[in-house]
Amino acid sequence: MVLVTKIFLYGFITVITLIGVTNIFNTITSNMELRQKEFANLKSIGMTKKEFNRMINLETILYGFKAWIYGTIMGLIGTYAMYQAASIKKISEMYIPINAILISAVFVFIFVFIIMRYSIKKINKQNIIETIRKDNI
């Protein structure tokens, strides 16, 4: 019974993780697609590739940090709710999974960094003039 429960829980965690990664990928790539004209305008008035990459990297750090903070807060609230529901007698104190929080931080930044690199490569392949012209037609 314990083995079946572990398989179910790890499967559930895997599905939730894949949904989260897909959601992050969709959000960031959609954001990049919607801002194509803005990026083309910035490049056309003289923004260098180094400055553009720096701007995108700072946005990546902001997205990753906000996602990690919100997820950690919601996770701690969920942990506290499960602790309250499971503990009839307050014999032990609540356990805060510090290692899991740190591992999640690392993976959030890795996923967001990889997705942002993909978006930067996609944007750098586009022609500036065609991007500006496409929106005006």
N, C-alpha and C. Protein backbone atom coordinates (compact mmCIF):
# COMPACT_ATOMS: atom_id res chain seq x y z
N MET A 1 0.81 -1.20 0.00
CA MET A 1 0.00 0.00 0.00
C MET A 1 0.86 1.27 0.00
N VAL A 2 1.96 1.22 0.75
CA VAL A 2 2.86 2.37 0.80
C VAL A 2 3.49 2.60 -0.57
N LEU A 3 3.88 1.52 -1.25
CA LEU A 3 4.48 1.64 -2.58
C LEU A 3 3.51 2.26 -3.57
N VAL A 4 2.26 1.84 -3.53
CA VAL A 4 1.25 2.40 -4.43
C VAL A 4 1.04 3.88 -4.14
N THR A 5 1.02 4.25 -2.88
CA THR A 5 0.86 5.66 -2.50
C THR A 5 2.04 6.50 -2.98
N LYS A 6 3.26 5.96 -2.82
CA LYS A 6 4.45 6.69 -3.29
C LYS A 6 4.42 6.87 -4.80
N ILE A 7 4.05 5.82 -5.52
CA ILE A 7 3.98 5.92 -6.98
C ILE A 7 2.95 6.96 -7.39
N PHE A 8 1.80 6.95 -6.74
CA PHE A 8 0.76 7.93 -7.05
C PHE A 8 1.23 9.35 -6.75
N LEU A 9 1.83 9.55 -5.59
CA LEU A 9 2.27 10.90 -5.21
C LEU A 9 3.39 11.40 -6.11
N TYR A 10 4.38 10.56 -6.43
CA TYR A 10 5.46 11.00 -7.31
C TYR A 10 4.94 11.26 -8.72
N GLY A 11 3.99 10.46 -9.17
CA GLY A 11 3.37 10.72 -10.47
C GLY A 11 2.63 12.04 -10.48
N PHE A 12 1.90 12.32 -9.40
CA PHE A 12 1.17 13.57 -9.28
C PHE A 12 2.13 14.76 -9.25
N ILE A 13 3.21 14.64 -8.51
CA ILE A 13 4.22 15.71 -8.44
C ILE A 13 4.85 15.94 -9.81
N THR A 14 5.12 14.85 -10.54
CA THR A 14 5.70 14.97 -11.88
C THR A 14 4.76 15.70 -12.82
N VAL A 15 3.47 15.33 -12.78
CA VAL A 15 2.49 15.99 -13.65
C VAL A 15 2.37 17.47 -13.31
N ILE A 16 2.30 17.80 -12.04
CA ILE A 16 2.21 19.20 -11.62
C ILE A 16 3.46 19.97 -12.04
N THR A 17 4.62 19.36 -11.93
CA THR A 17 5.87 20.01 -12.35
C THR A 17 5.87 20.27 -13.85
N LEU A 18 5.45 19.28 -14.63
CA LEU A 18 5.40 19.47 -16.08
C LEU A 18 4.40 20.55 -16.48
N ILE A 19 3.27 20.62 -15.79
CA ILE A 19 2.30 21.68 -16.05
C ILE A 19 2.90 23.04 -15.71
N GLY A 20 3.62 23.13 -14.61
CA GLY A 20 4.27 24.39 -14.22
C GLY A 20 5.32 24.83 -15.22
N VAL A 21 6.15 23.89 -15.67
CA VAL A 21 7.20 24.23 -16.64
C VAL A 21 6.56 24.68 -17.96
N THR A 22 5.52 23.98 -18.39
CA THR A 22 4.82 24.37 -19.61
C THR A 22 4.20 25.75 -19.46
N ASN A 23 3.64 26.03 -18.32
CA ASN A 23 3.05 27.34 -18.07
C ASN A 23 4.11 28.44 -18.11
N ILE A 24 5.25 28.20 -17.50
CA ILE A 24 6.34 29.19 -17.52
C ILE A 24 6.81 29.40 -18.95
N PHE A 25 7.00 28.31 -19.70
CA PHE A 25 7.43 28.40 -21.09
C PHE A 25 6.44 29.22 -21.91
N ASN A 26 5.16 28.92 -21.76
CA ASN A 26 4.12 29.62 -22.51
C ASN A 26 4.08 31.11 -22.15
N THR A 27 4.18 31.42 -20.88
CA THR A 27 4.14 32.81 -20.43
C THR A 27 5.30 33.62 -20.99
N ILE A 28 6.49 33.09 -20.88
CA ILE A 28 7.67 33.84 -21.32
C ILE A 28 7.70 33.97 -22.83
N THR A 29 7.41 32.91 -23.56
CA THR A 29 7.44 33.01 -25.02
C THR A 29 6.32 33.91 -25.53
N SER A 30 5.16 33.88 -24.89
CA SER A 30 4.08 34.79 -25.29
C SER A 30 4.47 36.24 -25.02
N ASN A 31 5.11 36.47 -23.90
CA ASN A 31 5.59 37.82 -23.57
C ASN A 31 6.58 38.31 -24.62
N MET A 32 7.48 37.44 -25.03
CA MET A 32 8.46 37.82 -26.05
C MET A 32 7.78 38.08 -27.40
N GLU A 33 6.81 37.27 -27.74
CA GLU A 33 6.10 37.46 -29.01
C GLU A 33 5.34 38.79 -29.02
N LEU A 34 4.71 39.12 -27.92
CA LEU A 34 3.95 40.37 -27.85
C LEU A 34 4.84 41.60 -27.86
N ARG A 35 6.07 41.45 -27.45
CA ARG A 35 6.98 42.59 -27.36
C ARG A 35 7.96 42.66 -28.51
N GLN A 36 7.71 41.93 -29.59
CA GLN A 36 8.63 41.93 -30.74
C GLN A 36 8.85 43.33 -31.30
N LYS A 37 7.78 44.09 -31.45
CA LYS A 37 7.91 45.43 -32.02
C LYS A 37 8.74 46.33 -31.09
N GLU A 38 8.50 46.20 -29.80
CA GLU A 38 9.28 46.99 -28.83
C GLU A 38 10.76 46.66 -28.93
N PHE A 39 11.08 45.37 -29.01
CA PHE A 39 12.48 44.97 -29.13
C PHE A 39 13.09 45.47 -30.44
N ALA A 40 12.33 45.37 -31.52
CA ALA A 40 12.83 45.84 -32.82
C ALA A 40 13.08 47.35 -32.78
N ASN A 41 12.18 48.09 -32.14
CA ASN A 41 12.38 49.54 -32.02
C ASN A 41 13.62 49.87 -31.19
N LEU A 42 13.81 49.16 -30.11
CA LEU A 42 15.00 49.40 -29.28
C LEU A 42 16.28 49.11 -30.05
N LYS A 43 16.27 48.03 -30.81
CA LYS A 43 17.45 47.69 -31.61
C LYS A 43 17.67 48.69 -32.73
N SER A 44 16.58 49.19 -33.31
CA SER A 44 16.72 50.11 -34.43
C SER A 44 17.26 51.47 -34.00
N ILE A 45 17.05 51.87 -32.76
CA ILE A 45 17.57 53.17 -32.31
C ILE A 45 18.94 53.05 -31.65
N GLY A 46 19.51 51.83 -31.69
CA GLY A 46 20.90 51.71 -31.26
C GLY A 46 21.19 50.81 -30.08
N MET A 47 20.24 50.04 -29.61
CA MET A 47 20.54 49.13 -28.51
C MET A 47 21.41 47.99 -29.03
N THR A 48 22.54 47.79 -28.38
CA THR A 48 23.46 46.75 -28.82
C THR A 48 22.96 45.38 -28.37
N LYS A 49 23.55 44.36 -28.95
CA LYS A 49 23.17 42.99 -28.59
C LYS A 49 23.49 42.71 -27.13
N LYS A 50 24.60 43.26 -26.64
CA LYS A 50 24.99 43.06 -25.25
C LYS A 50 23.97 43.73 -24.31
N GLU A 51 23.55 44.94 -24.64
CA GLU A 51 22.55 45.64 -23.82
C GLU A 51 21.21 44.92 -23.85
N PHE A 52 20.84 44.43 -25.03
CA PHE A 52 19.58 43.69 -25.16
C PHE A 52 19.61 42.42 -24.32
N ASN A 53 20.70 41.67 -24.41
CA ASN A 53 20.82 40.44 -23.62
C ASN A 53 20.81 40.74 -22.12
N ARG A 54 21.44 41.84 -21.73
CA ARG A 54 21.45 42.22 -20.31
C ARG A 54 20.05 42.55 -19.82
N MET A 55 19.29 43.29 -20.65
CA MET A 55 17.91 43.63 -20.29
C MET A 55 17.06 42.36 -20.12
N ILE A 56 17.21 41.44 -21.05
CA ILE A 56 16.44 40.19 -20.99
C ILE A 56 16.88 39.35 -19.79
N ASN A 57 18.15 39.30 -19.51
CA ASN A 57 18.64 38.54 -18.35
C ASN A 57 18.11 39.12 -17.04
N LEU A 58 18.05 40.45 -16.93
CA LEU A 58 17.49 41.06 -15.71
C LEU A 58 16.01 40.74 -15.58
N GLU A 59 15.29 40.73 -16.70
CA GLU A 59 13.88 40.33 -16.66
C GLU A 59 13.76 38.87 -16.23
N THR A 60 14.66 38.03 -16.70
CA THR A 60 14.65 36.62 -16.33
C THR A 60 14.83 36.45 -14.83
N ILE A 61 15.77 37.18 -14.28
CA ILE A 61 16.01 37.10 -12.84
C ILE A 61 14.77 37.57 -12.08
N LEU A 62 14.14 38.64 -12.56
CA LEU A 62 12.94 39.14 -11.90
C LEU A 62 11.81 38.11 -11.97
N TYR A 63 11.57 37.55 -13.16
CA TYR A 63 10.52 36.53 -13.31
C TYR A 63 10.78 35.33 -12.41
N GLY A 64 12.02 34.85 -12.44
CA GLY A 64 12.36 33.68 -11.63
C GLY A 64 12.23 33.94 -10.14
N PHE A 65 12.68 35.11 -9.71
CA PHE A 65 12.62 35.43 -8.29
C PHE A 65 11.17 35.57 -7.82
N LYS A 66 10.36 36.26 -8.63
CA LYS A 66 8.94 36.41 -8.26
C LYS A 66 8.23 35.06 -8.22
N ALA A 67 8.50 34.22 -9.21
CA ALA A 67 7.86 32.90 -9.25
C ALA A 67 8.29 32.07 -8.05
N TRP A 68 9.57 32.13 -7.71
CA TRP A 68 10.06 31.35 -6.58
C TRP A 68 9.48 31.85 -5.26
N ILE A 69 9.42 33.16 -5.09
CA ILE A 69 8.87 33.73 -3.85
C ILE A 69 7.39 33.36 -3.70
N TYR A 70 6.60 33.58 -4.77
CA TYR A 70 5.17 33.25 -4.71
C TYR A 70 4.97 31.76 -4.46
N GLY A 71 5.73 30.93 -5.15
CA GLY A 71 5.60 29.48 -4.96
C GLY A 71 6.00 29.04 -3.57
N THR A 72 7.06 29.64 -3.03
CA THR A 72 7.50 29.28 -1.68
C THR A 72 6.47 29.69 -0.64
N ILE A 73 5.93 30.88 -0.79
CA ILE A 73 4.91 31.33 0.17
C ILE A 73 3.68 30.43 0.11
N MET A 74 3.22 30.13 -1.10
CA MET A 74 2.05 29.27 -1.23
C MET A 74 2.35 27.86 -0.72
N GLY A 75 3.57 27.37 -0.97
CA GLY A 75 3.95 26.06 -0.47
C GLY A 75 4.00 26.01 1.05
N LEU A 76 4.52 27.07 1.67
CA LEU A 76 4.56 27.11 3.14
C LEU A 76 3.16 27.20 3.74
N ILE A 77 2.28 27.94 3.07
CA ILE A 77 0.89 28.01 3.54
C ILE A 77 0.24 26.63 3.43
N GLY A 78 0.49 25.94 2.31
CA GLY A 78 -0.04 24.58 2.14
C GLY A 78 0.54 23.62 3.17
N THR A 79 1.84 23.75 3.45
CA THR A 79 2.47 22.89 4.45
C THR A 79 1.87 23.13 5.82
N TYR A 80 1.64 24.38 6.16
CA TYR A 80 1.03 24.71 7.45
C TYR A 80 -0.40 24.18 7.53
N ALA A 81 -1.14 24.29 6.43
CA ALA A 81 -2.52 23.78 6.43
C ALA A 81 -2.54 22.26 6.61
N MET A 82 -1.62 21.56 5.94
CA MET A 82 -1.56 20.10 6.12
C MET A 82 -1.12 19.74 7.53
N TYR A 83 -0.22 20.52 8.10
CA TYR A 83 0.22 20.28 9.47
C TYR A 83 -0.95 20.45 10.44
N GLN A 84 -1.72 21.52 10.23
CA GLN A 84 -2.88 21.75 11.10
C GLN A 84 -3.92 20.64 10.95
N ALA A 85 -4.12 20.18 9.73
CA ALA A 85 -5.13 19.14 9.50
C ALA A 85 -4.68 17.78 10.03
N ALA A 86 -3.39 17.51 9.98
CA ALA A 86 -2.90 16.20 10.38
C ALA A 86 -2.58 16.09 11.86
N SER A 87 -2.34 17.18 12.54
CA SER A 87 -1.92 17.10 13.94
C SER A 87 -3.11 17.36 14.86
N ILE A 88 -3.57 16.29 15.46
CA ILE A 88 -4.65 16.42 16.44
C ILE A 88 -4.07 16.96 17.75
N LYS A 89 -2.98 16.35 18.16
CA LYS A 89 -2.27 16.83 19.35
C LYS A 89 -1.00 17.53 18.87
N LYS A 90 -0.68 18.62 19.47
CA LYS A 90 0.51 19.40 19.09
C LYS A 90 1.75 18.82 19.77
N ILE A 91 2.10 17.60 19.40
CA ILE A 91 3.26 16.95 20.00
C ILE A 91 4.55 17.44 19.36
N SER A 92 4.58 17.53 18.06
CA SER A 92 5.80 17.95 17.38
C SER A 92 5.58 19.30 16.70
N GLU A 93 6.68 19.98 16.43
CA GLU A 93 6.61 21.27 15.76
C GLU A 93 6.54 21.06 14.25
N MET A 94 6.09 22.08 13.57
CA MET A 94 6.00 22.01 12.12
C MET A 94 7.39 21.99 11.50
N TYR A 95 7.57 21.13 10.50
CA TYR A 95 8.85 20.98 9.81
C TYR A 95 8.81 21.80 8.52
N ILE A 96 9.75 22.71 8.38
CA ILE A 96 9.86 23.52 7.15
C ILE A 96 10.95 22.88 6.29
N PRO A 97 10.60 22.42 5.09
CA PRO A 97 11.56 21.71 4.23
C PRO A 97 12.51 22.67 3.51
N ILE A 98 13.57 23.06 4.21
CA ILE A 98 14.53 24.02 3.67
C ILE A 98 15.22 23.47 2.42
N ASN A 99 15.62 22.19 2.45
CA ASN A 99 16.29 21.61 1.28
C ASN A 99 15.40 21.64 0.05
N ALA A 100 14.13 21.32 0.22
CA ALA A 100 13.19 21.34 -0.91
C ALA A 100 13.02 22.76 -1.45
N ILE A 101 13.01 23.74 -0.58
CA ILE A 101 12.88 25.13 -1.01
C ILE A 101 14.11 25.55 -1.81
N LEU A 102 15.29 25.17 -1.37
CA LEU A 102 16.51 25.52 -2.09
C LEU A 102 16.60 24.79 -3.44
N ILE A 103 16.21 23.53 -3.46
CA ILE A 103 16.20 22.77 -4.72
C ILE A 103 15.21 23.39 -5.70
N SER A 104 14.05 23.80 -5.20
CA SER A 104 13.07 24.42 -6.10
C SER A 104 13.60 25.75 -6.64
N ALA A 105 14.32 26.50 -5.84
CA ALA A 105 14.90 27.75 -6.31
C ALA A 105 15.88 27.50 -7.45
N VAL A 106 16.73 26.52 -7.29
CA VAL A 106 17.71 26.20 -8.33
C VAL A 106 17.00 25.80 -9.62
N PHE A 107 16.01 24.92 -9.53
CA PHE A 107 15.33 24.45 -10.74
C PHE A 107 14.48 25.54 -11.38
N VAL A 108 13.88 26.40 -10.60
CA VAL A 108 13.11 27.51 -11.18
C VAL A 108 14.03 28.39 -12.01
N PHE A 109 15.19 28.75 -11.47
CA PHE A 109 16.10 29.61 -12.20
C PHE A 109 16.69 28.90 -13.43
N ILE A 110 16.93 27.60 -13.33
CA ILE A 110 17.44 26.86 -14.49
C ILE A 110 16.39 26.83 -15.60
N PHE A 111 15.14 26.51 -15.26
CA PHE A 111 14.08 26.45 -16.26
C PHE A 111 13.84 27.81 -16.90
N VAL A 112 13.74 28.83 -16.10
CA VAL A 112 13.48 30.16 -16.63
C VAL A 112 14.65 30.63 -17.49
N PHE A 113 15.87 30.33 -17.09
CA PHE A 113 17.05 30.71 -17.87
C PHE A 113 17.05 30.02 -19.23
N ILE A 114 16.76 28.72 -19.26
CA ILE A 114 16.74 27.97 -20.52
C ILE A 114 15.65 28.51 -21.44
N ILE A 115 14.49 28.76 -20.90
CA ILE A 115 13.38 29.27 -21.71
C ILE A 115 13.70 30.67 -22.24
N MET A 116 14.32 31.50 -21.43
CA MET A 116 14.65 32.84 -21.86
C MET A 116 15.73 32.81 -22.94
N ARG A 117 16.70 31.92 -22.84
CA ARG A 117 17.71 31.77 -23.88
C ARG A 117 17.06 31.38 -25.21
N TYR A 118 16.08 30.49 -25.14
CA TYR A 118 15.34 30.09 -26.35
C TYR A 118 14.65 31.30 -26.97
N SER A 119 14.02 32.11 -26.14
CA SER A 119 13.31 33.29 -26.63
C SER A 119 14.27 34.31 -27.23
N ILE A 120 15.43 34.50 -26.60
CA ILE A 120 16.41 35.46 -27.11
C ILE A 120 16.91 35.01 -28.49
N LYS A 121 17.20 33.72 -28.63
CA LYS A 121 17.65 33.22 -29.94
C LYS A 121 16.58 33.42 -31.00
N LYS A 122 15.34 33.20 -30.62
CA LYS A 122 14.24 33.36 -31.56
C LYS A 122 14.10 34.83 -31.98
N ILE A 123 14.24 35.74 -31.05
CA ILE A 123 14.11 37.17 -31.35
C ILE A 123 15.31 37.67 -32.16
N ASN A 124 16.51 37.18 -31.85
CA ASN A 124 17.69 37.65 -32.57
C ASN A 124 17.70 37.20 -34.03
N LYS A 125 16.96 36.15 -34.36
CA LYS A 125 16.89 35.67 -35.74
C LYS A 125 15.97 36.54 -36.60
N GLN A 126 15.14 37.35 -35.98
CA GLN A 126 14.18 38.14 -36.74
C GLN A 126 14.85 39.39 -37.33
N ASN A 127 14.32 39.78 -38.47
CA ASN A 127 14.78 40.99 -39.15
C ASN A 127 14.08 42.19 -38.50
N ILE A 128 14.85 43.19 -38.11
CA ILE A 128 14.31 44.36 -37.41
C ILE A 128 13.31 45.11 -38.29
N ILE A 129 13.68 45.34 -39.53
CA ILE A 129 12.83 46.13 -40.42
C ILE A 129 11.52 45.40 -40.70
N GLU A 130 11.61 44.10 -40.94
CA GLU A 130 10.40 43.32 -41.23
C GLU A 130 9.48 43.28 -40.01
N THR A 131 10.04 43.21 -38.83
CA THR A 131 9.22 43.17 -37.61
C THR A 131 8.47 44.49 -37.43
N ILE A 132 9.14 45.60 -37.64
CA ILE A 132 8.48 46.91 -37.52
C ILE A 132 7.45 47.10 -38.62
N ARG A 133 7.79 46.71 -39.83
CA ARG A 133 6.90 46.87 -40.97
C ARG A 133 5.66 45.97 -40.84
N LYS A 134 5.86 44.75 -40.36
CA LYS A 134 4.77 43.79 -40.22
C LYS A 134 3.65 44.34 -39.31
N ASP A 135 4.05 45.02 -38.26
CA ASP A 135 3.06 45.54 -37.33
C ASP A 135 2.32 46.75 -37.91
N ASN A 136 2.95 47.50 -38.79
CA ASN A 136 2.34 48.69 -39.36
C ASN A 136 1.36 48.37 -40.48
N ILE A 137 1.46 47.22 -41.09
CA ILE A 137 0.59 46.88 -42.23
C ILE A 137 -0.74 46.46 -41.77
